[in-house]
Amino acid sequence: MPAAGARTFRSSPAFLVRALDMGEADRRLSFFTREAGVLVTVAKSAWRSRKRFGGTLQRYVLLDIVWTESPGKMSVLESAAVLESFWELVEEWGRVRHADYLLEIASELFPQPGAKPRVFDILRNGIRSLAGGEDPQGAARKADAGLLAVGGWGPDLSGCRKCGRGESRSFRFLPSEGGILCDSCPPAGGQPLSLGAVKTWRALQSGKGASQGRLRIPKMITEELRMVMPKYIEYCLGKPVRSLGGM
């Protein structure tokens, strides 16, 4: 065991989520990492020392970071190296906005410390798909479904929450019900969803083919899911998602 007060070195693949200046030289950096989940560090002399970080501390880049932890102190970023760049997505504003969305919801849905390998893989695959030219809405919906399922928030889509009917021309999705309702069952309201949209969400939630990008979502169904899934995530969080503004 390390001595009391001793520094512990750790490392992980990571995405930079946000950065804030601290004084004239330091920066406060928040990452989503595979081995520690959300990680807040201070990068000492980040503005002055080109040798330590160079131009690596950028968003939309998969990093390999090393940091130190000391009891009662903020973690200190020691080094960062680029593992993979996704700069292709910055060529289109819609892809940038959706990349920001994925970074935000991963961090907000899973703020607890600790390793998050499944969440990190979903985040990485989503950003990789955006950079590779996949439809931004489709890539985001795949990530939505995967993150909700991993976190245990995945809704019950097997059938109507009241009568159990599994096949209907259309359903309604109510966040407060945690699933779908047929048109004849109370309560009223909710966002309409076609049977095709429900089946697509089921497939996305099961993970079959979605993580490898094999499932292609028709644009009409993508639009239906766009009206439901981000709002359900906001319901689970209990607050708006900032990156959705104007999306």
C-alpha atoms as a PDB file:
ATOM      1  CA  MET A   1       0.000   0.000   0.000  1.00  0.00           C
ATOM      2  CA  PRO A   2       1.220   3.544  -0.728  1.00  0.00           C
ATOM      3  CA  ALA A   3       2.250   5.625   2.262  1.00  0.00           C
ATOM      4  CA  ALA A   4      -0.232   8.154   3.613  1.00  0.00           C
ATOM      5  CA  GLY A   5      -0.137  11.264   1.488  1.00  0.00           C
ATOM      6  CA  ALA A   6       1.823   9.537  -1.295  1.00  0.00           C
ATOM      7  CA  ARG A   7       0.987  10.245  -4.913  1.00  0.00           C
ATOM      8  CA  THR A   8      -0.598   7.512  -7.011  1.00  0.00           C
ATOM      9  CA  PHE A   9      -0.065   7.420 -10.763  1.00  0.00           C
ATOM     10  CA  ARG A  10      -2.944   6.337 -12.978  1.00  0.00           C
ATOM     11  CA  SER A  11      -3.613   6.270 -16.716  1.00  0.00           C
ATOM     12  CA  SER A  12      -6.555   5.782 -19.057  1.00  0.00           C
ATOM     13  CA  PRO A  13      -7.925   6.469 -22.517  1.00  0.00           C
ATOM     14  CA  ALA A  14      -9.996   9.643 -22.236  1.00  0.00           C
ATOM     15  CA  PHE A  15     -12.009  12.327 -23.984  1.00  0.00           C
ATOM     16  CA  LEU A  16     -11.758  15.963 -22.937  1.00  0.00           C
ATOM     17  CA  VAL A  17     -15.229  17.195 -21.954  1.00  0.00           C
ATOM     18  CA  ARG A  18     -14.555  20.774 -20.827  1.00  0.00           C
ATOM     19  CA  ALA A  19     -11.707  23.116 -19.895  1.00  0.00           C
ATOM     20  CA  LEU A  20     -11.509  26.212 -17.692  1.00  0.00           C
ATOM     21  CA  ASP A  21      -8.595  28.550 -17.083  1.00  0.00           C
ATOM     22  CA  MET A  22      -7.163  28.711 -13.564  1.00  0.00           C
ATOM     23  CA  GLY A  23      -5.059  31.798 -13.111  1.00  0.00           C
ATOM     24  CA  GLU A  24      -2.510  32.783 -15.749  1.00  0.00           C
ATOM     25  CA  ALA A  25      -1.053  29.368 -16.561  1.00  0.00           C
ATOM     26  CA  ASP A  26      -3.064  26.443 -15.152  1.00  0.00           C
ATOM     27  CA  ARG A  27      -6.188  24.830 -16.578  1.00  0.00           C
ATOM     28  CA  ARG A  28      -8.973  22.818 -14.935  1.00  0.00           C
ATOM     29  CA  LEU A  29      -9.800  19.916 -17.251  1.00  0.00           C
ATOM     30  CA  SER A  30     -12.721  17.513 -17.064  1.00  0.00           C
ATOM     31  CA  PHE A  31     -12.372  14.186 -18.872  1.00  0.00           C
ATOM     32  CA  PHE A  32     -14.516  11.144 -19.417  1.00  0.00           C
ATOM     33  CA  THR A  33     -12.159   8.215 -18.970  1.00  0.00           C
ATOM     34  CA  ARG A  34     -12.454   4.482 -19.407  1.00  0.00           C
ATOM     35  CA  GLU A  35     -10.765   3.597 -16.113  1.00  0.00           C
ATOM     36  CA  ALA A  36     -12.121   6.325 -13.795  1.00  0.00           C
ATOM     37  CA  GLY A  37     -15.292   7.675 -15.391  1.00  0.00           C
ATOM     38  CA  VAL A  38     -15.603  11.442 -14.951  1.00  0.00           C
ATOM     39  CA  LEU A  39     -12.233  12.847 -13.914  1.00  0.00           C
ATOM     40  CA  VAL A  40     -11.450  16.457 -12.977  1.00  0.00           C
ATOM     41  CA  THR A  41      -7.776  17.428 -13.074  1.00  0.00           C
ATOM     42  CA  VAL A  42      -5.580  20.479 -12.994  1.00  0.00           C
ATOM     43  CA  ALA A  43      -2.998  20.850 -15.757  1.00  0.00           C
ATOM     44  CA  LYS A  44      -0.120  22.812 -14.255  1.00  0.00           C
ATOM     45  CA  SER A  45       1.372  25.472 -16.536  1.00  0.00           C
ATOM     46  CA  ALA A  46      -0.752  24.199 -19.411  1.00  0.00           C
ATOM     47  CA  TRP A  47      -0.516  27.570 -21.171  1.00  0.00           C
ATOM     48  CA  ARG A  48       3.246  27.938 -20.718  1.00  0.00           C
ATOM     49  CA  SER A  49       4.703  24.466 -21.240  1.00  0.00           C
ATOM     50  CA  ARG A  50       4.512  23.279 -24.838  1.00  0.00           C
ATOM     51  CA  LYS A  51       6.731  20.279 -24.041  1.00  0.00           C
ATOM     52  CA  ARG A  52       4.282  18.766 -21.541  1.00  0.00           C
ATOM     53  CA  PHE A  53       1.051  18.910 -23.518  1.00  0.00           C
ATOM     54  CA  GLY A  54       1.717  20.571 -26.869  1.00  0.00           C
ATOM     55  CA  GLY A  55      -1.570  20.703 -28.786  1.00  0.00           C
ATOM     56  CA  THR A  56      -2.974  17.469 -27.373  1.00  0.00           C
ATOM     57  CA  LEU A  57      -5.536  18.942 -24.981  1.00  0.00           C
ATOM     58  CA  GLN A  58      -8.299  19.203 -27.551  1.00  0.00           C
ATOM     59  CA  ARG A  59     -11.878  17.996 -27.819  1.00  0.00           C
ATOM     60  CA  TYR A  60     -12.859  15.357 -30.375  1.00  0.00           C
ATOM     61  CA  VAL A  61      -9.546  13.549 -29.827  1.00  0.00           C
ATOM     62  CA  LEU A  62      -9.069  10.201 -28.102  1.00  0.00           C
ATOM     63  CA  LEU A  63      -6.275  10.719 -25.583  1.00  0.00           C
ATOM     64  CA  ASP A  64      -4.096   8.556 -23.404  1.00  0.00           C
ATOM     65  CA  ILE A  65      -3.709  10.549 -20.185  1.00  0.00           C
ATOM     66  CA  VAL A  66      -1.600  10.049 -17.074  1.00  0.00           C
ATOM     67  CA  TRP A  67      -2.512  11.751 -13.817  1.00  0.00           C
ATOM     68  CA  THR A  68      -1.558  11.642 -10.164  1.00  0.00           C
ATOM     69  CA  GLU A  69      -3.863  11.414  -7.180  1.00  0.00           C
ATOM     70  CA  SER A  70      -3.047  12.629  -3.680  1.00  0.00           C
ATOM     71  CA  PRO A  71      -5.396  12.400  -0.669  1.00  0.00           C
ATOM     72  CA  GLY A  72      -7.447  15.559  -0.244  1.00  0.00           C
ATOM     73  CA  LYS A  73      -6.133  17.222  -3.411  1.00  0.00           C
ATOM     74  CA  MET A  74      -7.333  17.661  -6.978  1.00  0.00           C
ATOM     75  CA  SER A  75      -5.830  15.185  -9.409  1.00  0.00           C
ATOM     76  CA  VAL A  76      -2.934  16.552 -11.455  1.00  0.00           C
ATOM     77  CA  LEU A  77      -2.599  15.845 -15.161  1.00  0.00           C
ATOM     78  CA  GLU A  78       0.956  14.718 -15.879  1.00  0.00           C
ATOM     79  CA  SER A  79       0.865  13.913 -19.597  1.00  0.00           C
ATOM     80  CA  ALA A  80      -1.439  13.423 -22.556  1.00  0.00           C
ATOM     81  CA  ALA A  81      -0.865  11.713 -25.891  1.00  0.00           C
ATOM     82  CA  VAL A  82      -3.131  11.434 -28.927  1.00  0.00           C
ATOM     83  CA  LEU A  83      -4.383   7.924 -29.657  1.00  0.00           C
ATOM     84  CA  GLU A  84      -6.903   8.781 -32.374  1.00  0.00           C
ATOM     85  CA  SER A  85      -8.161  12.012 -33.906  1.00  0.00           C
ATOM     86  CA  PHE A  86     -11.732  12.639 -35.027  1.00  0.00           C
ATOM     87  CA  TRP A  87     -11.174  16.039 -36.608  1.00  0.00           C
ATOM     88  CA  GLU A  88     -13.249  15.077 -39.653  1.00  0.00           C
ATOM     89  CA  LEU A  89     -16.388  15.819 -37.668  1.00  0.00           C
ATOM     90  CA  VAL A  90     -15.469  19.503 -37.176  1.00  0.00           C
ATOM     91  CA  GLU A  91     -16.064  20.063 -40.897  1.00  0.00           C
ATOM     92  CA  GLU A  92     -19.807  20.067 -40.221  1.00  0.00           C
ATOM     93  CA  TRP A  93     -21.481  21.978 -37.396  1.00  0.00           C
ATOM     94  CA  GLY A  94     -24.212  19.365 -36.930  1.00  0.00           C
ATOM     95  CA  ARG A  95     -21.608  16.681 -36.227  1.00  0.00           C
ATOM     96  CA  VAL A  96     -19.838  18.945 -33.731  1.00  0.00           C
ATOM     97  CA  ARG A  97     -23.099  19.584 -31.898  1.00  0.00           C
ATOM     98  CA  HIS A  98     -23.878  15.881 -31.699  1.00  0.00           C
ATOM     99  CA  ALA A  99     -20.348  15.072 -30.502  1.00  0.00           C
ATOM    100  CA  ASP A 100     -20.840  17.657 -27.742  1.00  0.00           C
ATOM    101  CA  TYR A 101     -24.172  16.016 -26.946  1.00  0.00           C
ATOM    102  CA  LEU A 102     -22.568  12.562 -26.564  1.00  0.00           C
ATOM    103  CA  LEU A 103     -19.818  13.921 -24.321  1.00  0.00           C
ATOM    104  CA  GLU A 104     -22.355  15.724 -22.154  1.00  0.00           C
ATOM    105  CA  ILE A 105     -24.840  12.905 -21.672  1.00  0.00           C
ATOM    106  CA  ALA A 106     -22.129  10.327 -20.919  1.00  0.00           C
ATOM    107  CA  SER A 107     -20.737  12.625 -18.214  1.00  0.00           C
ATOM    108  CA  GLU A 108     -24.154  13.566 -16.807  1.00  0.00           C
ATOM    109  CA  LEU A 109     -25.680  10.085 -16.812  1.00  0.00           C
ATOM    110  CA  PHE A 110     -22.586   8.471 -15.241  1.00  0.00           C
ATOM    111  CA  PRO A 111     -20.987  11.002 -12.857  1.00  0.00           C
ATOM    112  CA  GLN A 112     -20.011   8.406 -10.247  1.00  0.00           C
ATOM    113  CA  PRO A 113     -16.283   7.616  -9.950  1.00  0.00           C
ATOM    114  CA  GLY A 114     -15.025   4.255 -11.100  1.00  0.00           C
ATOM    115  CA  ALA A 115     -14.257   2.364 -14.281  1.00  0.00           C
ATOM    116  CA  LYS A 116     -16.858   2.772 -17.047  1.00  0.00           C
ATOM    117  CA  PRO A 117     -15.630   0.535 -19.905  1.00  0.00           C
ATOM    118  CA  ARG A 118     -19.036  -0.083 -21.499  1.00  0.00           C
ATOM    119  CA  VAL A 119     -20.031   3.578 -21.353  1.00  0.00           C
ATOM    120  CA  PHE A 120     -16.660   4.627 -22.732  1.00  0.00           C
ATOM    121  CA  ASP A 121     -16.948   2.193 -25.634  1.00  0.00           C
ATOM    122  CA  ILE A 122     -20.398   3.565 -26.534  1.00  0.00           C
ATOM    123  CA  LEU A 123     -19.061   7.126 -26.399  1.00  0.00           C
ATOM    124  CA  ARG A 124     -15.999   6.288 -28.501  1.00  0.00           C
ATOM    125  CA  ASN A 125     -18.048   4.380 -31.082  1.00  0.00           C
ATOM    126  CA  GLY A 126     -20.530   7.249 -31.334  1.00  0.00           C
ATOM    127  CA  ILE A 127     -17.852   9.880 -31.922  1.00  0.00           C
ATOM    128  CA  ARG A 128     -16.047   7.578 -34.342  1.00  0.00           C
ATOM    129  CA  SER A 129     -19.303   7.129 -36.299  1.00  0.00           C
ATOM    130  CA  LEU A 130     -19.855  10.885 -36.452  1.00  0.00           C
ATOM    131  CA  ALA A 131     -16.339  11.419 -37.783  1.00  0.00           C
ATOM    132  CA  GLY A 132     -16.832   8.567 -40.266  1.00  0.00           C
ATOM    133  CA  GLY A 133     -19.800  10.246 -41.915  1.00  0.00           C
ATOM    134  CA  GLU A 134     -22.759   8.448 -40.323  1.00  0.00           C
ATOM    135  CA  ASP A 135     -25.982  10.443 -40.084  1.00  0.00           C
ATOM    136  CA  PRO A 136     -25.575  12.462 -36.844  1.00  0.00           C
ATOM    137  CA  GLN A 137     -29.114  11.747 -35.656  1.00  0.00           C
ATOM    138  CA  GLY A 138     -28.714   8.021 -36.213  1.00  0.00           C
ATOM    139  CA  ALA A 139     -25.370   7.901 -34.419  1.00  0.00           C
ATOM    140  CA  ALA A 140     -26.808   9.854 -31.494  1.00  0.00           C
ATOM    141  CA  ARG A 141     -29.848   7.595 -31.183  1.00  0.00           C
ATOM    142  CA  LYS A 142     -27.653   4.492 -31.061  1.00  0.00           C
ATOM    143  CA  ALA A 143     -25.637   6.084 -28.264  1.00  0.00           C
ATOM    144  CA  ASP A 144     -28.824   7.172 -26.450  1.00  0.00           C
ATOM    145  CA  ALA A 145     -30.173   3.632 -26.432  1.00  0.00           C
ATOM    146  CA  GLY A 146     -26.880   2.098 -25.376  1.00  0.00           C
ATOM    147  CA  LEU A 147     -26.270   4.507 -22.506  1.00  0.00           C
ATOM    148  CA  LEU A 148     -29.835   4.179 -21.212  1.00  0.00           C
ATOM    149  CA  ALA A 149     -29.547   0.396 -21.267  1.00  0.00           C
ATOM    150  CA  VAL A 150     -26.174   0.339 -19.480  1.00  0.00           C
ATOM    151  CA  GLY A 151     -27.458   2.691 -16.794  1.00  0.00           C
ATOM    152  CA  GLY A 152     -30.634   0.680 -16.196  1.00  0.00           C
ATOM    153  CA  TRP A 153     -32.933   3.420 -17.505  1.00  0.00           C
ATOM    154  CA  GLY A 154     -33.867   1.571 -20.679  1.00  0.00           C
ATOM    155  CA  PRO A 155     -37.679   1.776 -20.960  1.00  0.00           C
ATOM    156  CA  ASP A 156     -39.991  -1.217 -21.232  1.00  0.00           C
ATOM    157  CA  LEU A 157     -40.721  -1.508 -24.944  1.00  0.00           C
ATOM    158  CA  SER A 158     -42.112  -5.049 -24.949  1.00  0.00           C
ATOM    159  CA  GLY A 159     -45.690  -3.798 -25.146  1.00  0.00           C
ATOM    160  CA  CYS A 160     -48.279  -1.441 -23.697  1.00  0.00           C
ATOM    161  CA  ARG A 161     -47.568  -0.790 -20.034  1.00  0.00           C
ATOM    162  CA  LYS A 162     -51.274  -1.127 -19.216  1.00  0.00           C
ATOM    163  CA  CYS A 163     -52.731  -3.901 -21.373  1.00  0.00           C
ATOM    164  CA  GLY A 164     -49.549  -5.618 -22.553  1.00  0.00           C
ATOM    165  CA  ARG A 165     -50.339  -5.375 -26.262  1.00  0.00           C
ATOM    166  CA  GLY A 166     -47.096  -5.810 -28.175  1.00  0.00           C
ATOM    167  CA  GLU A 167     -48.303  -5.212 -31.729  1.00  0.00           C
ATOM    168  CA  SER A 168     -50.149  -2.046 -32.682  1.00  0.00           C
ATOM    169  CA  ARG A 169     -49.964   0.339 -35.602  1.00  0.00           C
ATOM    170  CA  SER A 170     -48.875   3.060 -33.212  1.00  0.00           C
ATOM    171  CA  PHE A 171     -47.988   3.629 -29.577  1.00  0.00           C
ATOM    172  CA  ARG A 172     -47.370   6.614 -27.325  1.00  0.00           C
ATOM    173  CA  PHE A 173     -44.253   7.096 -25.229  1.00  0.00           C
ATOM    174  CA  LEU A 174     -44.632   8.646 -21.773  1.00  0.00           C
ATOM    175  CA  PRO A 175     -41.411   9.204 -19.791  1.00  0.00           C
ATOM    176  CA  SER A 176     -43.337   9.045 -16.509  1.00  0.00           C
ATOM    177  CA  GLU A 177     -44.588   5.550 -17.421  1.00  0.00           C
ATOM    178  CA  GLY A 178     -41.116   4.329 -18.329  1.00  0.00           C
ATOM    179  CA  GLY A 179     -42.397   2.820 -21.551  1.00  0.00           C
ATOM    180  CA  ILE A 180     -45.071   2.746 -24.228  1.00  0.00           C
ATOM    181  CA  LEU A 181     -48.854   2.808 -24.152  1.00  0.00           C
ATOM    182  CA  CYS A 182     -51.338   1.878 -26.849  1.00  0.00           C
ATOM    183  CA  ASP A 183     -53.791   4.517 -28.037  1.00  0.00           C
ATOM    184  CA  SER A 184     -56.720   3.141 -26.019  1.00  0.00           C
ATOM    185  CA  CYS A 185     -55.070   2.936 -22.571  1.00  0.00           C
ATOM    186  CA  PRO A 186     -54.799   5.790 -20.047  1.00  0.00           C
ATOM    187  CA  PRO A 187     -53.230   8.159 -19.262  1.00  0.00           C
ATOM    188  CA  ALA A 188     -53.592  10.406 -22.274  1.00  0.00           C
ATOM    189  CA  GLY A 189     -50.776  12.318 -23.918  1.00  0.00           C
ATOM    190  CA  GLY A 190     -47.250  11.320 -24.765  1.00  0.00           C
ATOM    191  CA  GLN A 191     -45.288  11.351 -28.000  1.00  0.00           C
ATOM    192  CA  PRO A 192     -46.655   9.137 -30.801  1.00  0.00           C
ATOM    193  CA  LEU A 193     -44.369   6.325 -31.970  1.00  0.00           C
ATOM    194  CA  SER A 194     -44.995   4.007 -34.897  1.00  0.00           C
ATOM    195  CA  LEU A 195     -44.516   0.275 -34.504  1.00  0.00           C
ATOM    196  CA  GLY A 196     -41.430   0.593 -36.697  1.00  0.00           C
ATOM    197  CA  ALA A 197     -39.912   3.153 -34.335  1.00  0.00           C
ATOM    198  CA  VAL A 198     -40.676   0.964 -31.314  1.00  0.00           C
ATOM    199  CA  LYS A 199     -39.067  -2.084 -32.971  1.00  0.00           C
ATOM    200  CA  THR A 200     -36.018  -0.014 -33.912  1.00  0.00           C
ATOM    201  CA  TRP A 201     -35.626   1.221 -30.329  1.00  0.00           C
ATOM    202  CA  ARG A 202     -35.952  -2.364 -29.105  1.00  0.00           C
ATOM    203  CA  ALA A 203     -33.142  -3.421 -31.427  1.00  0.00           C
ATOM    204  CA  LEU A 204     -30.956  -0.497 -30.381  1.00  0.00           C
ATOM    205  CA  GLN A 205     -31.592  -1.224 -26.720  1.00  0.00           C
ATOM    206  CA  SER A 206     -30.647  -4.874 -27.134  1.00  0.00           C
ATOM    207  CA  GLY A 207     -27.336  -3.833 -28.689  1.00  0.00           C
ATOM    208  CA  LYS A 208     -27.637  -6.319 -31.544  1.00  0.00           C
ATOM    209  CA  GLY A 209     -25.575  -4.871 -34.374  1.00  0.00           C
ATOM    210  CA  ALA A 210     -25.893  -1.323 -33.080  1.00  0.00           C
ATOM    211  CA  SER A 211     -22.440  -0.965 -31.540  1.00  0.00           C
ATOM    212  CA  GLN A 212     -20.785  -2.035 -34.806  1.00  0.00           C
ATOM    213  CA  GLY A 213     -22.959   0.312 -36.834  1.00  0.00           C
ATOM    214  CA  ARG A 214     -24.699  -2.478 -38.734  1.00  0.00           C
ATOM    215  CA  LEU A 215     -28.195  -1.234 -37.956  1.00  0.00           C
ATOM    216  CA  ARG A 216     -29.281   1.443 -40.426  1.00  0.00           C
ATOM    217  CA  ILE A 217     -32.198   3.589 -39.282  1.00  0.00           C
ATOM    218  CA  PRO A 218     -34.600   5.036 -41.879  1.00  0.00           C
ATOM    219  CA  LYS A 219     -34.795   8.812 -41.708  1.00  0.00           C
ATOM    220  CA  MET A 220     -38.515   8.850 -40.840  1.00  0.00           C
ATOM    221  CA  ILE A 221     -37.899   6.583 -37.849  1.00  0.00           C
ATOM    222  CA  THR A 222     -34.826   8.563 -36.848  1.00  0.00           C
ATOM    223  CA  GLU A 223     -36.997  11.677 -36.731  1.00  0.00           C
ATOM    224  CA  GLU A 224     -39.590   9.915 -34.556  1.00  0.00           C
ATOM    225  CA  LEU A 225     -36.912   8.782 -32.111  1.00  0.00           C
ATOM    226  CA  ARG A 226     -35.350  12.263 -32.086  1.00  0.00           C
ATOM    227  CA  MET A 227     -38.608  13.590 -30.657  1.00  0.00           C
ATOM    228  CA  VAL A 228     -38.542  11.067 -27.802  1.00  0.00           C
ATOM    229  CA  MET A 229     -35.133   9.757 -26.742  1.00  0.00           C
ATOM    230  CA  PRO A 230     -33.293  13.007 -25.837  1.00  0.00           C
ATOM    231  CA  LYS A 231     -36.353  14.171 -23.880  1.00  0.00           C
ATOM    232  CA  TYR A 232     -36.411  10.871 -22.013  1.00  0.00           C
ATOM    233  CA  ILE A 233     -32.737  11.345 -21.143  1.00  0.00           C
ATOM    234  CA  GLU A 234     -33.563  14.799 -19.794  1.00  0.00           C
ATOM    235  CA  TYR A 235     -36.373  13.223 -17.756  1.00  0.00           C
ATOM    236  CA  CYS A 236     -33.916  10.689 -16.304  1.00  0.00           C
ATOM    237  CA  LEU A 237     -31.424  13.463 -15.507  1.00  0.00           C
ATOM    238  CA  GLY A 238     -34.060  15.795 -14.108  1.00  0.00           C
ATOM    239  CA  LYS A 239     -32.636  18.740 -16.045  1.00  0.00           C
ATOM    240  CA  PRO A 240     -32.148  19.984 -19.619  1.00  0.00           C
ATOM    241  CA  VAL A 241     -29.193  18.874 -21.723  1.00  0.00           C
ATOM    242  CA  ARG A 242     -27.265  22.055 -22.542  1.00  0.00           C
ATOM    243  CA  SER A 243     -25.886  20.882 -25.877  1.00  0.00           C
ATOM    244  CA  LEU A 244     -29.426  20.344 -27.190  1.00  0.00           C
ATOM    245  CA  GLY A 245     -30.098  24.072 -27.332  1.00  0.00           C
ATOM    246  CA  GLY A 246     -31.048  24.899 -30.903  1.00  0.00           C
ATOM    247  CA  MET A 247     -30.198  21.416 -32.163  1.00  0.00           C
END
